[in-house]
Amino acid sequence: MSKNIEPRHYDVILSPVVTEKATIASEHNKVLFKVAAKATKPQIKEAIEKLFDVKVKSVNTLVRKGKTKIFRGNLGSQSNSKRAIVTLEEGHRIDVTTGL
């Protein structure tokens, strides 16, 4: 069986998010990913389905605003990041601790 994985799928999904909140969400068949800022929900859905060979039920996105920090008198800010909460169909799972 040959997967039809295109390089653009790797540009859409940047990394999984491993936090306490993400771990709790995984109990409800949800997985969190950091995604490209210009990625759309259909692109995210297609990339997840192709990369992990699972069926996606829905995709919710959010943009986390970067924090403003003062370091040695200089004002700086972290960059914004876009995240996707991917809900999987029943019977499908993604274990983000193992990798691709």
PDB file of N, CA and C in Angstrom:
ATOM      1  N   MET A   1       0.845  -1.183   0.000  1.00  0.00           N
ATOM      2  CA  MET A   1       0.000   0.000   0.000  1.00  0.00           C
ATOM      3  C   MET A   1       0.889   1.244   0.000  1.00  0.00           C
ATOM      4  N   SER A   2       0.698   2.088  -0.954  1.00  0.00           N
ATOM      5  CA  SER A   2       1.501   3.297  -1.088  1.00  0.00           C
ATOM      6  C   SER A   2       0.683   4.512  -0.692  1.00  0.00           C
ATOM      7  N   LYS A   3       1.135   5.229   0.311  1.00  0.00           N
ATOM      8  CA  LYS A   3       0.454   6.456   0.724  1.00  0.00           C
ATOM      9  C   LYS A   3       0.756   7.562  -0.270  1.00  0.00           C
ATOM     10  N   ASN A   4      -0.227   8.404  -0.515  1.00  0.00           N
ATOM     11  CA  ASN A   4      -0.044   9.525  -1.432  1.00  0.00           C
ATOM     12  C   ASN A   4       0.283  10.774  -0.615  1.00  0.00           C
ATOM     13  N   ILE A   5       1.478  10.785  -0.018  1.00  0.00           N
ATOM     14  CA  ILE A   5       1.899  11.904   0.823  1.00  0.00           C
ATOM     15  C   ILE A   5       2.686  12.890  -0.033  1.00  0.00           C
ATOM     16  N   GLU A   6       2.232  14.124  -0.034  1.00  0.00           N
ATOM     17  CA  GLU A   6       2.922  15.171  -0.779  1.00  0.00           C
ATOM     18  C   GLU A   6       3.727  16.026   0.196  1.00  0.00           C
ATOM     19  N   PRO A   7       4.811  16.644  -0.280  1.00  0.00           N
ATOM     20  CA  PRO A   7       5.630  17.473   0.614  1.00  0.00           C
ATOM     21  C   PRO A   7       4.852  18.629   1.240  1.00  0.00           C
ATOM     22  N   ARG A   8       3.804  19.120   0.562  1.00  0.00           N
ATOM     23  CA  ARG A   8       3.050  20.244   1.111  1.00  0.00           C
ATOM     24  C   ARG A   8       2.319  19.874   2.397  1.00  0.00           C
ATOM     25  N   HIS A   9       2.037  18.581   2.606  1.00  0.00           N
ATOM     26  CA  HIS A   9       1.383  18.169   3.840  1.00  0.00           C
ATOM     27  C   HIS A   9       2.286  18.420   5.047  1.00  0.00           C
ATOM     28  N   TYR A  10       3.589  18.272   4.840  1.00  0.00           N
ATOM     29  CA  TYR A  10       4.532  18.528   5.927  1.00  0.00           C
ATOM     30  C   TYR A  10       4.676  20.021   6.200  1.00  0.00           C
ATOM     31  N   ASP A  11       4.351  20.869   5.211  1.00  0.00           N
ATOM     32  CA  ASP A  11       4.397  22.312   5.406  1.00  0.00           C
ATOM     33  C   ASP A  11       3.178  22.818   6.170  1.00  0.00           C
ATOM     34  N   VAL A  12       2.079  22.089   6.118  1.00  0.00           N
ATOM     35  CA  VAL A  12       0.847  22.494   6.802  1.00  0.00           C
ATOM     36  C   VAL A  12       0.932  22.148   8.284  1.00  0.00           C
ATOM     37  N   ILE A  13       1.307  20.919   8.600  1.00  0.00           N
ATOM     38  CA  ILE A  13       1.397  20.453   9.987  1.00  0.00           C
ATOM     39  C   ILE A  13       2.833  20.637  10.459  1.00  0.00           C
ATOM     40  N   LEU A  14       3.043  21.514  11.446  1.00  0.00           N
ATOM     41  CA  LEU A  14       4.396  21.800  11.913  1.00  0.00           C
ATOM     42  C   LEU A  14       4.843  20.854  13.018  1.00  0.00           C
ATOM     43  N   SER A  15       3.997  20.676  14.055  1.00  0.00           N
ATOM     44  CA  SER A  15       4.375  19.791  15.147  1.00  0.00           C
ATOM     45  C   SER A  15       3.157  19.491  16.016  1.00  0.00           C
ATOM     46  N   PRO A  16       3.183  18.368  16.731  1.00  0.00           N
ATOM     47  CA  PRO A  16       2.106  18.119  17.692  1.00  0.00           C
ATOM     48  C   PRO A  16       2.324  18.965  18.945  1.00  0.00           C
ATOM     49  N   VAL A  17       1.255  19.249  19.644  1.00  0.00           N
ATOM     50  CA  VAL A  17       1.323  20.000  20.890  1.00  0.00           C
ATOM     51  C   VAL A  17       1.173  19.009  22.034  1.00  0.00           C
ATOM     52  N   VAL A  18       2.178  18.937  22.900  1.00  0.00           N
ATOM     53  CA  VAL A  18       2.139  18.023  24.033  1.00  0.00           C
ATOM     54  C   VAL A  18       2.098  18.857  25.303  1.00  0.00           C
ATOM     55  N   THR A  19       0.890  19.079  25.795  1.00  0.00           N
ATOM     56  CA  THR A  19       0.678  19.821  27.036  1.00  0.00           C
ATOM     57  C   THR A  19      -0.323  19.047  27.881  1.00  0.00           C
ATOM     58  N   GLU A  20      -0.562  19.536  29.085  1.00  0.00           N
ATOM     59  CA  GLU A  20      -1.538  18.895  29.954  1.00  0.00           C
ATOM     60  C   GLU A  20      -2.933  18.966  29.332  1.00  0.00           C
ATOM     61  N   LYS A  21      -3.263  20.111  28.761  1.00  0.00           N
ATOM     62  CA  LYS A  21      -4.567  20.282  28.119  1.00  0.00           C
ATOM     63  C   LYS A  21      -4.717  19.356  26.913  1.00  0.00           C
ATOM     64  N   ALA A  22      -3.645  19.186  26.128  1.00  0.00           N
ATOM     65  CA  ALA A  22      -3.678  18.297  24.969  1.00  0.00           C
ATOM     66  C   ALA A  22      -3.832  16.841  25.394  1.00  0.00           C
ATOM     67  N   THR A  23      -3.212  16.475  26.513  1.00  0.00           N
ATOM     68  CA  THR A  23      -3.318  15.114  27.014  1.00  0.00           C
ATOM     69  C   THR A  23      -4.742  14.811  27.461  1.00  0.00           C
ATOM     70  N   ILE A  24      -5.378  15.761  28.113  1.00  0.00           N
ATOM     71  CA  ILE A  24      -6.770  15.582  28.535  1.00  0.00           C
ATOM     72  C   ILE A  24      -7.685  15.497  27.320  1.00  0.00           C
ATOM     73  N   ALA A  25      -7.407  16.304  26.288  1.00  0.00           N
ATOM     74  CA  ALA A  25      -8.220  16.277  25.067  1.00  0.00           C
ATOM     75  C   ALA A  25      -8.076  14.953  24.333  1.00  0.00           C
ATOM     76  N   SER A  26      -6.911  14.311  24.431  1.00  0.00           N
ATOM     77  CA  SER A  26      -6.695  13.046  23.731  1.00  0.00           C
ATOM     78  C   SER A  26      -7.606  11.940  24.268  1.00  0.00           C
ATOM     79  N   GLU A  27      -8.071  12.080  25.492  1.00  0.00           N
ATOM     80  CA  GLU A  27      -9.013  11.111  26.053  1.00  0.00           C
ATOM     81  C   GLU A  27     -10.370  11.206  25.372  1.00  0.00           C
ATOM     82  N   HIS A  28     -10.642  12.350  24.721  1.00  0.00           N
ATOM     83  CA  HIS A  28     -11.915  12.573  24.031  1.00  0.00           C
ATOM     84  C   HIS A  28     -11.737  12.514  22.515  1.00  0.00           C
ATOM     85  N   ASN A  29     -10.708  11.765  22.057  1.00  0.00           N
ATOM     86  CA  ASN A  29     -10.445  11.567  20.630  1.00  0.00           C
ATOM     87  C   ASN A  29     -10.070  12.857  19.910  1.00  0.00           C
ATOM     88  N   LYS A  30      -9.374  13.770  20.590  1.00  0.00           N
ATOM     89  CA  LYS A  30      -8.926  15.024  19.993  1.00  0.00           C
ATOM     90  C   LYS A  30      -7.408  15.110  20.092  1.00  0.00           C
ATOM     91  N   VAL A  31      -6.794  15.700  19.055  1.00  0.00           N
ATOM     92  CA  VAL A  31      -5.341  15.860  19.016  1.00  0.00           C
ATOM     93  C   VAL A  31      -5.042  17.299  18.644  1.00  0.00           C
ATOM     94  N   LEU A  32      -4.044  17.922  19.300  1.00  0.00           N
ATOM     95  CA  LEU A  32      -3.668  19.306  19.013  1.00  0.00           C
ATOM     96  C   LEU A  32      -2.381  19.334  18.203  1.00  0.00           C
ATOM     97  N   PHE A  33      -2.355  20.219  17.188  1.00  0.00           N
ATOM     98  CA  PHE A  33      -1.182  20.385  16.345  1.00  0.00           C
ATOM     99  C   PHE A  33      -0.891  21.868  16.172  1.00  0.00           C
ATOM    100  N   LYS A  34       0.387  22.197  16.064  1.00  0.00           N
ATOM    101  CA  LYS A  34       0.784  23.542  15.648  1.00  0.00           C
ATOM    102  C   LYS A  34       0.819  23.504  14.125  1.00  0.00           C
ATOM    103  N   VAL A  35       0.133  24.468  13.482  1.00  0.00           N
ATOM    104  CA  VAL A  35       0.010  24.457  12.026  1.00  0.00           C
ATOM    105  C   VAL A  35       0.520  25.764  11.442  1.00  0.00           C
ATOM    106  N   ALA A  36       0.683  25.792  10.131  1.00  0.00           N
ATOM    107  CA  ALA A  36       1.130  26.995   9.430  1.00  0.00           C
ATOM    108  C   ALA A  36       0.087  28.093   9.575  1.00  0.00           C
ATOM    109  N   ALA A  37       0.539  29.328   9.619  1.00  0.00           N
ATOM    110  CA  ALA A  37      -0.350  30.466   9.867  1.00  0.00           C
ATOM    111  C   ALA A  37      -1.403  30.630   8.777  1.00  0.00           C
ATOM    112  N   LYS A  38      -1.083  30.270   7.547  1.00  0.00           N
ATOM    113  CA  LYS A  38      -2.026  30.443   6.438  1.00  0.00           C
ATOM    114  C   LYS A  38      -2.789  29.168   6.093  1.00  0.00           C
ATOM    115  N   ALA A  39      -2.652  28.130   6.908  1.00  0.00           N
ATOM    116  CA  ALA A  39      -3.327  26.861   6.634  1.00  0.00           C
ATOM    117  C   ALA A  39      -4.826  26.989   6.888  1.00  0.00           C
ATOM    118  N   THR A  40      -5.620  26.407   5.980  1.00  0.00           N
ATOM    119  CA  THR A  40      -7.072  26.414   6.139  1.00  0.00           C
ATOM    120  C   THR A  40      -7.530  25.082   6.734  1.00  0.00           C
ATOM    121  N   LYS A  41      -8.766  25.055   7.210  1.00  0.00           N
ATOM    122  CA  LYS A  41      -9.296  23.833   7.812  1.00  0.00           C
ATOM    123  C   LYS A  41      -9.310  22.654   6.834  1.00  0.00           C
ATOM    124  N   PRO A  42      -9.743  22.838   5.563  1.00  0.00           N
ATOM    125  CA  PRO A  42      -9.682  21.705   4.630  1.00  0.00           C
ATOM    126  C   PRO A  42      -8.256  21.215   4.363  1.00  0.00           C
ATOM    127  N   GLN A  43      -7.287  22.126   4.316  1.00  0.00           N
ATOM    128  CA  GLN A  43      -5.891  21.724   4.124  1.00  0.00           C
ATOM    129  C   GLN A  43      -5.395  20.925   5.325  1.00  0.00           C
ATOM    130  N   ILE A  44      -5.752  21.370   6.529  1.00  0.00           N
ATOM    131  CA  ILE A  44      -5.337  20.674   7.750  1.00  0.00           C
ATOM    132  C   ILE A  44      -5.948  19.281   7.784  1.00  0.00           C
ATOM    133  N   LYS A  45      -7.228  19.185   7.452  1.00  0.00           N
ATOM    134  CA  LYS A  45      -7.923  17.893   7.451  1.00  0.00           C
ATOM    135  C   LYS A  45      -7.270  16.926   6.473  1.00  0.00           C
ATOM    136  N   GLU A  46      -6.984  17.392   5.265  1.00  0.00           N
ATOM    137  CA  GLU A  46      -6.369  16.537   4.250  1.00  0.00           C
ATOM    138  C   GLU A  46      -4.981  16.084   4.686  1.00  0.00           C
ATOM    139  N   ALA A  47      -4.195  16.994   5.245  1.00  0.00           N
ATOM    140  CA  ALA A  47      -2.831  16.654   5.676  1.00  0.00           C
ATOM    141  C   ALA A  47      -2.843  15.615   6.785  1.00  0.00           C
ATOM    142  N   ILE A  48      -3.723  15.769   7.766  1.00  0.00           N
ATOM    143  CA  ILE A  48      -3.806  14.816   8.880  1.00  0.00           C
ATOM    144  C   ILE A  48      -4.225  13.444   8.366  1.00  0.00           C
ATOM    145  N   GLU A  49      -5.228  13.418   7.474  1.00  0.00           N
ATOM    146  CA  GLU A  49      -5.701  12.138   6.952  1.00  0.00           C
ATOM    147  C   GLU A  49      -4.619  11.424   6.145  1.00  0.00           C
ATOM    148  N   LYS A  50      -3.842  12.168   5.355  1.00  0.00           N
ATOM    149  CA  LYS A  50      -2.794  11.550   4.534  1.00  0.00           C
ATOM    150  C   LYS A  50      -1.587  11.120   5.376  1.00  0.00           C
ATOM    151  N   LEU A  51      -1.153  11.973   6.319  1.00  0.00           N
ATOM    152  CA  LEU A  51       0.053  11.682   7.090  1.00  0.00           C
ATOM    153  C   LEU A  51      -0.145  10.553   8.097  1.00  0.00           C
ATOM    154  N   PHE A  52      -1.295  10.534   8.773  1.00  0.00           N
ATOM    155  CA  PHE A  52      -1.497   9.579   9.859  1.00  0.00           C
ATOM    156  C   PHE A  52      -2.449   8.446   9.506  1.00  0.00           C
ATOM    157  N   ASP A  53      -3.034   8.467   8.284  1.00  0.00           N
ATOM    158  CA  ASP A  53      -3.945   7.422   7.822  1.00  0.00           C
ATOM    159  C   ASP A  53      -5.114   7.226   8.796  1.00  0.00           C
ATOM    160  N   VAL A  54      -5.776   8.337   9.143  1.00  0.00           N
ATOM    161  CA  VAL A  54      -6.935   8.317  10.024  1.00  0.00           C
ATOM    162  C   VAL A  54      -8.079   9.075   9.352  1.00  0.00           C
ATOM    163  N   LYS A  55      -9.267   8.990   9.930  1.00  0.00           N
ATOM    164  CA  LYS A  55     -10.436   9.705   9.428  1.00  0.00           C
ATOM    165  C   LYS A  55     -10.724  10.857  10.383  1.00  0.00           C
ATOM    166  N   VAL A  56     -10.779  12.094   9.851  1.00  0.00           N
ATOM    167  CA  VAL A  56     -10.991  13.291  10.661  1.00  0.00           C
ATOM    168  C   VAL A  56     -12.473  13.657  10.660  1.00  0.00           C
ATOM    169  N   LYS A  57     -13.001  13.890  11.849  1.00  0.00           N
ATOM    170  CA  LYS A  57     -14.399  14.284  11.981  1.00  0.00           C
ATOM    171  C   LYS A  57     -14.557  15.788  11.822  1.00  0.00           C
ATOM    172  N   SER A  58     -13.713  16.575  12.532  1.00  0.00           N
ATOM    173  CA  SER A  58     -13.777  18.036  12.431  1.00  0.00           C
ATOM    174  C   SER A  58     -12.432  18.651  12.803  1.00  0.00           C
ATOM    175  N   VAL A  59     -12.278  19.924  12.392  1.00  0.00           N
ATOM    176  CA  VAL A  59     -11.060  20.676  12.689  1.00  0.00           C
ATOM    177  C   VAL A  59     -11.466  22.042  13.225  1.00  0.00           C
ATOM    178  N   ASN A  60     -10.948  22.405  14.374  1.00  0.00           N
ATOM    179  CA  ASN A  60     -11.140  23.741  14.941  1.00  0.00           C
ATOM    180  C   ASN A  60      -9.770  24.393  15.035  1.00  0.00           C
ATOM    181  N   THR A  61      -9.692  25.686  14.692  1.00  0.00           N
ATOM    182  CA  THR A  61      -8.408  26.380  14.727  1.00  0.00           C
ATOM    183  C   THR A  61      -8.470  27.567  15.674  1.00  0.00           C
ATOM    184  N   LEU A  62      -7.297  27.969  16.149  1.00  0.00           N
ATOM    185  CA  LEU A  62      -7.182  29.152  16.986  1.00  0.00           C
ATOM    186  C   LEU A  62      -5.806  29.748  16.798  1.00  0.00           C
ATOM    187  N   VAL A  63      -5.705  31.054  17.007  1.00  0.00           N
ATOM    188  CA  VAL A  63      -4.424  31.742  16.909  1.00  0.00           C
ATOM    189  C   VAL A  63      -4.049  32.224  18.304  1.00  0.00           C
ATOM    190  N   ARG A  64      -2.913  31.750  18.795  1.00  0.00           N
ATOM    191  CA  ARG A  64      -2.413  32.192  20.093  1.00  0.00           C
ATOM    192  C   ARG A  64      -1.568  33.424  19.875  1.00  0.00           C
ATOM    193  N   LYS A  65      -1.940  34.504  20.512  1.00  0.00           N
ATOM    194  CA  LYS A  65      -1.183  35.753  20.394  1.00  0.00           C
ATOM    195  C   LYS A  65       0.143  35.617  21.135  1.00  0.00           C
ATOM    196  N   GLY A  66       1.204  36.162  20.565  1.00  0.00           N
ATOM    197  CA  GLY A  66       2.512  36.112  21.187  1.00  0.00           C
ATOM    198  C   GLY A  66       2.582  37.032  22.395  1.00  0.00           C
ATOM    199  N   LYS A  67       3.302  36.601  23.396  1.00  0.00           N
ATOM    200  CA  LYS A  67       3.441  37.393  24.614  1.00  0.00           C
ATOM    201  C   LYS A  67       4.453  38.511  24.415  1.00  0.00           C
ATOM    202  N   THR A  68       4.228  39.621  25.082  1.00  0.00           N
ATOM    203  CA  THR A  68       5.174  40.732  25.072  1.00  0.00           C
ATOM    204  C   THR A  68       6.053  40.614  26.311  1.00  0.00           C
ATOM    205  N   LYS A  69       7.356  40.709  26.113  1.00  0.00           N
ATOM    206  CA  LYS A  69       8.314  40.566  27.209  1.00  0.00           C
ATOM    207  C   LYS A  69       9.288  41.737  27.197  1.00  0.00           C
ATOM    208  N   ILE A  70       9.791  42.070  28.385  1.00  0.00           N
ATOM    209  CA  ILE A  70      10.850  43.066  28.504  1.00  0.00           C
ATOM    210  C   ILE A  70      12.076  42.343  29.046  1.00  0.00           C
ATOM    211  N   PHE A  71      13.163  42.399  28.275  1.00  0.00           N
ATOM    212  CA  PHE A  71      14.396  41.728  28.662  1.00  0.00           C
ATOM    213  C   PHE A  71      15.533  42.738  28.611  1.00  0.00           C
ATOM    214  N   ARG A  72      16.136  43.027  29.767  1.00  0.00           N
ATOM    215  CA  ARG A  72      17.217  44.003  29.896  1.00  0.00           C
ATOM    216  C   ARG A  72      16.822  45.360  29.327  1.00  0.00           C
ATOM    217  N   GLY A  73      15.596  45.748  29.560  1.00  0.00           N
ATOM    218  CA  GLY A  73      15.127  47.053  29.128  1.00  0.00           C
ATOM    219  C   GLY A  73      14.664  47.116  27.687  1.00  0.00           C
ATOM    220  N   ASN A  74      14.799  46.022  26.946  1.00  0.00           N
ATOM    221  CA  ASN A  74      14.366  45.988  25.558  1.00  0.00           C
ATOM    222  C   ASN A  74      13.006  45.301  25.464  1.00  0.00           C
ATOM    223  N   LEU A  75      12.102  45.940  24.748  1.00  0.00           N
ATOM    224  CA  LEU A  75      10.776  45.380  24.556  1.00  0.00           C
ATOM    225  C   LEU A  75      10.805  44.425  23.373  1.00  0.00           C
ATOM    226  N   GLY A  76      10.322  43.224  23.586  1.00  0.00           N
ATOM    227  CA  GLY A  76      10.273  42.231  22.519  1.00  0.00           C
ATOM    228  C   GLY A  76       8.989  41.440  22.628  1.00  0.00           C
ATOM    229  N   SER A  77       8.673  40.709  21.582  1.00  0.00           N
ATOM    230  CA  SER A  77       7.464  39.891  21.638  1.00  0.00           C
ATOM    231  C   SER A  77       7.691  38.571  20.931  1.00  0.00           C
ATOM    232  N   GLN A  78       7.018  37.558  21.435  1.00  0.00           N
ATOM    233  CA  GLN A  78       7.043  36.254  20.794  1.00  0.00           C
ATOM    234  C   GLN A  78       6.104  36.295  19.599  1.00  0.00           C
ATOM    235  N   SER A  79       6.336  35.458  18.623  1.00  0.00           N
ATOM    236  CA  SER A  79       5.483  35.450  17.440  1.00  0.00           C
ATOM    237  C   SER A  79       4.174  34.718  17.729  1.00  0.00           C
ATOM    238  N   ASN A  80       3.135  35.066  16.978  1.00  0.00           N
ATOM    239  CA  ASN A  80       1.851  34.392  17.092  1.00  0.00           C
ATOM    240  C   ASN A  80       1.977  32.973  16.543  1.00  0.00           C
ATOM    241  N   SER A  81       1.136  32.065  17.037  1.00  0.00           N
ATOM    242  CA  SER A  81       1.158  30.702  16.517  1.00  0.00           C
ATOM    243  C   SER A  81      -0.269  30.221  16.325  1.00  0.00           C
ATOM    244  N   LYS A  82      -0.475  29.457  15.266  1.00  0.00           N
ATOM    245  CA  LYS A  82      -1.800  28.921  14.959  1.00  0.00           C
ATOM    246  C   LYS A  82      -1.823  27.463  15.362  1.00  0.00           C
ATOM    247  N   ARG A  83      -2.900  27.063  16.018  1.00  0.00           N
ATOM    248  CA  ARG A  83      -3.059  25.685  16.461  1.00  0.00           C
ATOM    249  C   ARG A  83      -4.350  25.116  15.920  1.00  0.00           C
ATOM    250  N   ALA A  84      -4.374  23.813  15.756  1.00  0.00           N
ATOM    251  CA  ALA A  84      -5.568  23.132  15.275  1.00  0.00           C
ATOM    252  C   ALA A  84      -5.937  22.029  16.264  1.00  0.00           C
ATOM    253  N   ILE A  85      -7.213  21.980  16.626  1.00  0.00           N
ATOM    254  CA  ILE A  85      -7.749  20.902  17.445  1.00  0.00           C
ATOM    255  C   ILE A  85      -8.477  19.974  16.488  1.00  0.00           C
ATOM    256  N   VAL A  86      -7.934  18.788  16.291  1.00  0.00           N
ATOM    257  CA  VAL A  86      -8.466  17.835  15.327  1.00  0.00           C
ATOM    258  C   VAL A  86      -9.252  16.761  16.070  1.00  0.00           C
ATOM    259  N   THR A  87     -10.541  16.634  15.746  1.00  0.00           N
ATOM    260  CA  THR A  87     -11.382  15.592  16.324  1.00  0.00           C
ATOM    261  C   THR A  87     -11.416  14.424  15.352  1.00  0.00           C
ATOM    262  N   LEU A  88     -11.083  13.236  15.853  1.00  0.00           N
ATOM    263  CA  LEU A  88     -11.024  12.042  15.008  1.00  0.00           C
ATOM    264  C   LEU A  88     -12.320  11.243  15.114  1.00  0.00           C
ATOM    265  N   GLU A  89     -12.612  10.469  14.057  1.00  0.00           N
ATOM    266  CA  GLU A  89     -13.764   9.572  14.069  1.00  0.00           C
ATOM    267  C   GLU A  89     -13.546   8.476  15.113  1.00  0.00           C
ATOM    268  N   GLU A  90     -14.623   7.858  15.544  1.00  0.00           N
ATOM    269  CA  GLU A  90     -14.533   6.768  16.520  1.00  0.00           C
ATOM    270  C   GLU A  90     -13.687   5.635  15.947  1.00  0.00           C
ATOM    271  N   GLY A  91     -12.826   5.064  16.774  1.00  0.00           N
ATOM    272  CA  GLY A  91     -11.984   3.959  16.349  1.00  0.00           C
ATOM    273  C   GLY A  91     -10.641   4.371  15.779  1.00  0.00           C
ATOM    274  N   HIS A  92     -10.430   5.667  15.528  1.00  0.00           N
ATOM    275  CA  HIS A  92      -9.156   6.156  15.011  1.00  0.00           C
ATOM    276  C   HIS A  92      -8.403   6.852  16.135  1.00  0.00           C
ATOM    277  N   ARG A  93      -7.063   6.642  16.160  1.00  0.00           N
ATOM    278  CA  ARG A  93      -6.230   7.271  17.181  1.00  0.00           C
ATOM    279  C   ARG A  93      -4.915   7.724  16.573  1.00  0.00           C
ATOM    280  N   ILE A  94      -4.344   8.782  17.156  1.00  0.00           N
ATOM    281  CA  ILE A  94      -3.002   9.242  16.804  1.00  0.00           C
ATOM    282  C   ILE A  94      -2.220   9.305  18.103  1.00  0.00           C
ATOM    283  N   ASP A  95      -1.090   8.591  18.156  1.00  0.00           N
ATOM    284  CA  ASP A  95      -0.217   8.645  19.323  1.00  0.00           C
ATOM    285  C   ASP A  95       0.931   9.595  18.986  1.00  0.00           C
ATOM    286  N   VAL A  96       0.849  10.840  19.484  1.00  0.00           N
ATOM    287  CA  VAL A  96       1.841  11.857  19.123  1.00  0.00           C
ATOM    288  C   VAL A  96       3.189  11.618  19.774  1.00  0.00           C
ATOM    289  N   THR A  97       3.275  10.728  20.738  1.00  0.00           N
ATOM    290  CA  THR A  97       4.539  10.484  21.417  1.00  0.00           C
ATOM    291  C   THR A  97       5.466   9.596  20.573  1.00  0.00           C
ATOM    292  N   THR A  98       4.938   8.879  19.560  1.00  0.00           N
ATOM    293  CA  THR A  98       5.775   7.992  18.775  1.00  0.00           C
ATOM    294  C   THR A  98       6.338   8.633  17.529  1.00  0.00           C
ATOM    295  N   GLY A  99       5.677   9.677  17.002  1.00  0.00           N
ATOM    296  CA  GLY A  99       6.142  10.331  15.778  1.00  0.00           C
ATOM    297  C   GLY A  99       5.582   9.660  14.545  1.00  0.00           C
ATOM    298  N   LEU A 100       6.080  10.089  13.382  1.00  0.00           N
ATOM    299  CA  LEU A 100       5.560   9.548  12.104  1.00  0.00           C
ATOM    300  C   LEU A 100       6.191   8.215  11.785  1.00  0.00           C
TER     301      LEU A 100
END
